[in-house]
N, C-alpha and C. Protein backbone atom coordinates (compact mmCIF):
# COMPACT_ATOMS: atom_id res chain seq x y z
N MET A 1 -130.11 177.14 -28.68
CA MET A 1 -131.11 177.65 -28.80
C MET A 1 -132.39 176.31 -29.72
N ILE A 2 -133.12 175.96 -28.02
CA ILE A 2 -134.42 174.96 -29.23
C ILE A 2 -134.83 175.76 -29.72
N ARG A 3 -135.33 175.46 -31.05
CA ARG A 3 -136.44 175.84 -31.59
C ARG A 3 -138.04 175.50 -31.48
N LYS A 4 -137.84 173.95 -31.57
CA LYS A 4 -139.21 173.04 -31.74
C LYS A 4 -139.21 172.18 -30.79
N PHE A 5 -139.48 171.48 -29.93
CA PHE A 5 -139.32 170.24 -29.17
C PHE A 5 -140.45 169.66 -29.27
N ASP A 6 -141.01 168.50 -30.19
CA ASP A 6 -142.51 167.83 -30.43
C ASP A 6 -142.40 166.88 -30.33
N ILE A 7 -143.09 166.36 -29.20
CA ILE A 7 -143.32 165.32 -28.42
C ILE A 7 -144.23 164.54 -28.40
N GLN A 8 -145.36 164.82 -29.37
CA GLN A 8 -146.72 164.51 -30.07
C GLN A 8 -146.52 163.21 -30.39
N LYS A 9 -145.55 162.65 -30.85
CA LYS A 9 -146.14 161.64 -31.28
C LYS A 9 -145.09 160.46 -30.96
N TYR A 10 -144.30 160.54 -29.55
CA TYR A 10 -143.36 159.59 -28.56
C TYR A 10 -144.36 158.75 -28.75
N ASP A 11 -146.01 158.97 -27.99
CA ASP A 11 -146.51 156.99 -27.62
C ASP A 11 -146.65 156.03 -29.34
N ILE A 12 -146.89 156.61 -30.10
CA ILE A 12 -146.67 156.25 -31.42
C ILE A 12 -145.49 155.98 -31.69
N SER A 13 -144.81 156.83 -31.76
CA SER A 13 -143.60 156.37 -33.03
C SER A 13 -142.59 156.11 -32.60
N LYS A 14 -142.33 156.74 -30.80
CA LYS A 14 -141.17 156.63 -30.26
C LYS A 14 -140.01 157.39 -30.29
N SER A 15 -140.73 158.51 -30.85
CA SER A 15 -139.60 159.42 -31.37
C SER A 15 -140.15 160.79 -30.61
N MET A 16 -139.50 161.65 -31.40
CA MET A 16 -139.42 163.06 -30.85
C MET A 16 -138.57 163.59 -31.58
N ARG A 17 -139.31 165.13 -32.62
CA ARG A 17 -138.65 166.21 -33.15
C ARG A 17 -138.07 167.44 -32.58
N VAL A 18 -136.92 167.26 -32.73
CA VAL A 18 -136.13 168.20 -31.78
C VAL A 18 -135.48 169.42 -33.17
N ALA A 19 -135.64 170.59 -33.00
CA ALA A 19 -135.09 171.56 -33.88
C ALA A 19 -134.31 172.51 -32.65
N GLY A 20 -133.01 173.40 -33.32
CA GLY A 20 -132.61 174.63 -32.30
C GLY A 20 -131.50 174.61 -33.46
N GLU A 21 -130.70 175.88 -32.32
CA GLU A 21 -129.66 176.56 -33.03
C GLU A 21 -128.31 176.97 -32.28
N PHE A 22 -127.24 176.67 -32.51
CA PHE A 22 -126.71 176.36 -31.92
C PHE A 22 -125.36 177.67 -32.36
N LEU A 23 -125.34 178.99 -31.16
CA LEU A 23 -124.17 179.66 -31.26
C LEU A 23 -123.36 179.30 -31.13
N PHE A 24 -122.00 179.72 -31.94
CA PHE A 24 -120.53 179.77 -31.10
C PHE A 24 -119.75 181.30 -30.67
N ARG A 25 -119.88 181.41 -29.36
CA ARG A 25 -119.65 183.33 -29.03
C ARG A 25 -118.34 183.69 -29.12
N GLY A 26 -117.57 184.82 -29.39
CA GLY A 26 -116.44 185.23 -29.22
C GLY A 26 -115.86 186.18 -28.38
N PRO A 27 -114.94 186.48 -28.20
CA PRO A 27 -114.98 188.54 -27.33
C PRO A 27 -115.21 189.15 -29.33
N GLY A 28 -115.32 190.48 -29.10
CA GLY A 28 -115.97 190.94 -29.85
C GLY A 28 -115.31 192.82 -29.58
N GLU A 29 -114.86 193.49 -30.55
CA GLU A 29 -114.93 194.70 -30.51
C GLU A 29 -115.35 195.76 -29.45
N GLY A 30 -114.87 196.07 -28.56
CA GLY A 30 -116.08 197.05 -27.20
C GLY A 30 -116.47 196.25 -26.30
N GLY A 31 -116.17 194.91 -25.88
CA GLY A 31 -116.43 194.35 -25.06
C GLY A 31 -117.94 193.40 -25.06
N THR A 32 -118.05 193.54 -26.23
CA THR A 32 -119.77 192.33 -26.92
C THR A 32 -119.70 191.48 -27.48
N ASP A 33 -120.33 190.18 -27.20
CA ASP A 33 -119.21 188.94 -27.68
C ASP A 33 -119.98 189.32 -29.17
N LYS A 34 -118.70 188.38 -30.57
CA LYS A 34 -119.60 187.77 -32.25
C LYS A 34 -119.61 186.56 -32.07
N VAL A 35 -120.34 186.33 -32.55
CA VAL A 35 -120.60 184.82 -33.37
C VAL A 35 -120.08 184.89 -34.30
N LEU A 36 -119.27 183.53 -33.97
CA LEU A 36 -118.04 183.07 -34.67
C LEU A 36 -118.33 182.14 -35.01
N ALA A 37 -119.76 181.18 -35.07
CA ALA A 37 -119.75 180.21 -35.86
C ALA A 37 -121.94 180.33 -35.60
N SER A 38 -122.45 179.45 -36.42
CA SER A 38 -123.92 178.50 -35.83
C SER A 38 -123.99 177.44 -36.65
N VAL A 39 -124.64 176.80 -35.42
CA VAL A 39 -125.49 175.18 -36.62
C VAL A 39 -126.74 174.93 -36.70
N ASN A 40 -127.74 175.39 -38.00
CA ASN A 40 -128.89 175.01 -37.47
C ASN A 40 -129.32 173.25 -37.76
N SER A 41 -130.18 172.46 -36.35
CA SER A 41 -130.23 171.42 -36.96
C SER A 41 -131.67 171.24 -37.16
N ASP A 42 -132.22 169.95 -37.04
CA ASP A 42 -133.49 169.35 -36.70
C ASP A 42 -133.39 168.09 -37.16
N GLN A 43 -133.82 167.29 -36.20
CA GLN A 43 -134.03 166.23 -35.58
C GLN A 43 -134.87 164.82 -34.99
N ILE A 44 -134.75 164.24 -36.47
CA ILE A 44 -135.78 162.73 -35.22
C ILE A 44 -135.14 162.12 -34.23
N ILE A 45 -135.09 162.43 -33.11
CA ILE A 45 -134.68 161.70 -31.76
C ILE A 45 -135.62 160.42 -31.91
N ASP A 46 -135.23 158.66 -32.40
CA ASP A 46 -135.66 157.85 -31.54
C ASP A 46 -135.22 157.69 -30.78
N LEU A 47 -136.54 157.00 -29.91
CA LEU A 47 -135.95 156.53 -28.41
C LEU A 47 -136.49 155.29 -28.32
N SER A 48 -136.91 154.57 -29.40
CA SER A 48 -137.35 153.41 -28.89
C SER A 48 -136.99 152.42 -28.15
N ASP A 49 -135.22 152.48 -27.99
CA ASP A 49 -135.00 151.50 -26.38
C ASP A 49 -135.05 152.32 -25.54
N GLN A 50 -135.61 153.32 -25.14
CA GLN A 50 -136.12 153.71 -23.85
C GLN A 50 -137.08 153.72 -23.31
N PHE A 51 -137.68 153.86 -24.81
CA PHE A 51 -139.78 153.03 -24.40
C PHE A 51 -139.66 151.72 -23.70
N ARG A 52 -138.85 150.82 -24.54
CA ARG A 52 -139.11 149.13 -24.05
C ARG A 52 -138.58 149.20 -22.73
N GLN A 53 -137.87 150.80 -22.05
CA GLN A 53 -137.82 150.16 -20.83
C GLN A 53 -138.05 150.76 -20.07
N GLY A 54 -139.26 151.02 -20.45
CA GLY A 54 -140.43 151.53 -19.44
C GLY A 54 -140.19 153.28 -19.30
N THR A 55 -139.10 154.14 -19.45
CA THR A 55 -138.97 154.96 -19.43
C THR A 55 -139.96 156.25 -19.28
N ALA A 56 -139.83 157.08 -18.16
CA ALA A 56 -141.34 158.17 -18.08
C ALA A 56 -140.69 159.00 -19.26
N LEU A 57 -141.92 159.94 -19.87
CA LEU A 57 -142.17 160.56 -20.65
C LEU A 57 -141.08 162.06 -19.98
N ASN A 58 -140.69 162.40 -19.20
CA ASN A 58 -140.20 163.88 -18.99
C ASN A 58 -138.98 163.24 -18.59
N ASP A 59 -138.27 161.61 -18.74
CA ASP A 59 -137.30 161.15 -18.59
C ASP A 59 -136.99 161.30 -19.77
N ALA A 60 -137.61 160.57 -20.83
CA ALA A 60 -137.05 160.92 -22.70
C ALA A 60 -137.09 162.41 -23.19
N VAL A 61 -137.43 163.54 -22.55
CA VAL A 61 -137.54 164.18 -23.08
C VAL A 61 -136.08 165.09 -22.60
N ARG A 62 -135.17 164.05 -21.79
CA ARG A 62 -133.62 164.75 -21.27
C ARG A 62 -133.17 163.75 -22.03
N ILE A 63 -133.41 163.00 -22.07
CA ILE A 63 -132.57 161.95 -22.46
C ILE A 63 -132.28 161.47 -25.04
N ALA A 64 -133.85 163.17 -24.89
CA ALA A 64 -134.02 163.55 -26.51
C ALA A 64 -133.16 164.32 -26.49
N GLY A 65 -132.88 165.65 -25.98
CA GLY A 65 -132.56 166.40 -25.73
C GLY A 65 -131.16 166.47 -25.60
N ARG A 66 -129.91 165.61 -24.55
CA ARG A 66 -128.83 165.16 -24.37
C ARG A 66 -128.90 164.61 -26.37
N ARG A 67 -129.57 162.95 -26.25
CA ARG A 67 -128.93 163.08 -27.61
C ARG A 67 -128.57 164.37 -28.82
N PHE A 68 -130.19 165.18 -28.85
CA PHE A 68 -130.29 165.86 -30.24
C PHE A 68 -129.13 167.17 -30.02
N ILE A 69 -128.19 167.32 -28.98
CA ILE A 69 -127.28 168.09 -28.57
C ILE A 69 -125.62 167.13 -29.50
N ALA A 70 -125.56 165.82 -29.24
CA ALA A 70 -124.40 165.06 -29.78
C ALA A 70 -124.53 164.59 -31.20
N ILE A 71 -126.01 164.33 -31.47
CA ILE A 71 -126.06 163.88 -32.96
C ILE A 71 -126.01 166.02 -33.74
N SER A 72 -126.43 166.83 -33.31
CA SER A 72 -126.40 168.05 -34.03
C SER A 72 -124.85 168.62 -34.29
N LEU A 73 -124.15 168.34 -32.87
CA LEU A 73 -122.44 168.69 -32.82
C LEU A 73 -120.96 167.77 -33.72
N GLN A 74 -121.60 166.47 -33.40
CA GLN A 74 -121.16 165.64 -33.91
C GLN A 74 -119.59 165.90 -34.92
N GLY A 75 -118.75 166.01 -35.43
CA GLY A 75 -118.18 166.02 -36.69
C GLY A 75 -117.98 167.31 -36.82
N LEU A 76 -117.81 168.55 -36.13
CA LEU A 76 -117.74 169.81 -35.30
C LEU A 76 -115.95 170.01 -35.89
N PRO A 77 -115.07 170.62 -35.95
CA PRO A 77 -113.97 170.56 -35.53
C PRO A 77 -113.63 170.91 -34.68
N ASP A 78 -112.94 170.73 -34.29
CA ASP A 78 -111.94 171.01 -32.33
C ASP A 78 -111.49 172.21 -33.09
N ARG A 79 -111.41 173.47 -31.98
CA ARG A 79 -111.47 175.36 -32.24
C ARG A 79 -110.62 175.61 -31.11
N LYS A 80 -109.17 176.03 -31.07
CA LYS A 80 -108.74 176.55 -29.65
C LYS A 80 -109.40 178.34 -29.69
N ILE A 81 -109.60 178.92 -29.32
CA ILE A 81 -109.78 180.64 -28.77
C ILE A 81 -108.80 180.61 -27.85
N ASP A 82 -108.79 181.58 -28.49
CA ASP A 82 -107.72 181.90 -27.75
C ASP A 82 -108.43 183.68 -27.07
N SER A 83 -107.62 183.48 -25.67
CA SER A 83 -108.77 184.19 -24.64
C SER A 83 -107.77 185.79 -24.13
N ARG A 84 -107.34 185.84 -24.63
CA ARG A 84 -106.06 186.96 -25.01
C ARG A 84 -106.83 188.19 -24.53
């Protein structure tokens, strides 16, 4: 879940601030999901390489979102979920 997506400084600093939380869910008792793990992340995403290419704001937002996910989740261990 994205909690904050701040584009106000894009024109000045060629960056966006993105904050959010990732919840990893698995089957719980009684047919409900339970949270297995969560990751909170607050990142300044540098988009200066895209700005030089003349990227439109809408495209820059999508790129920032993808980079935010990649940065936030890098380094998490692989986990195999038993789906029995």
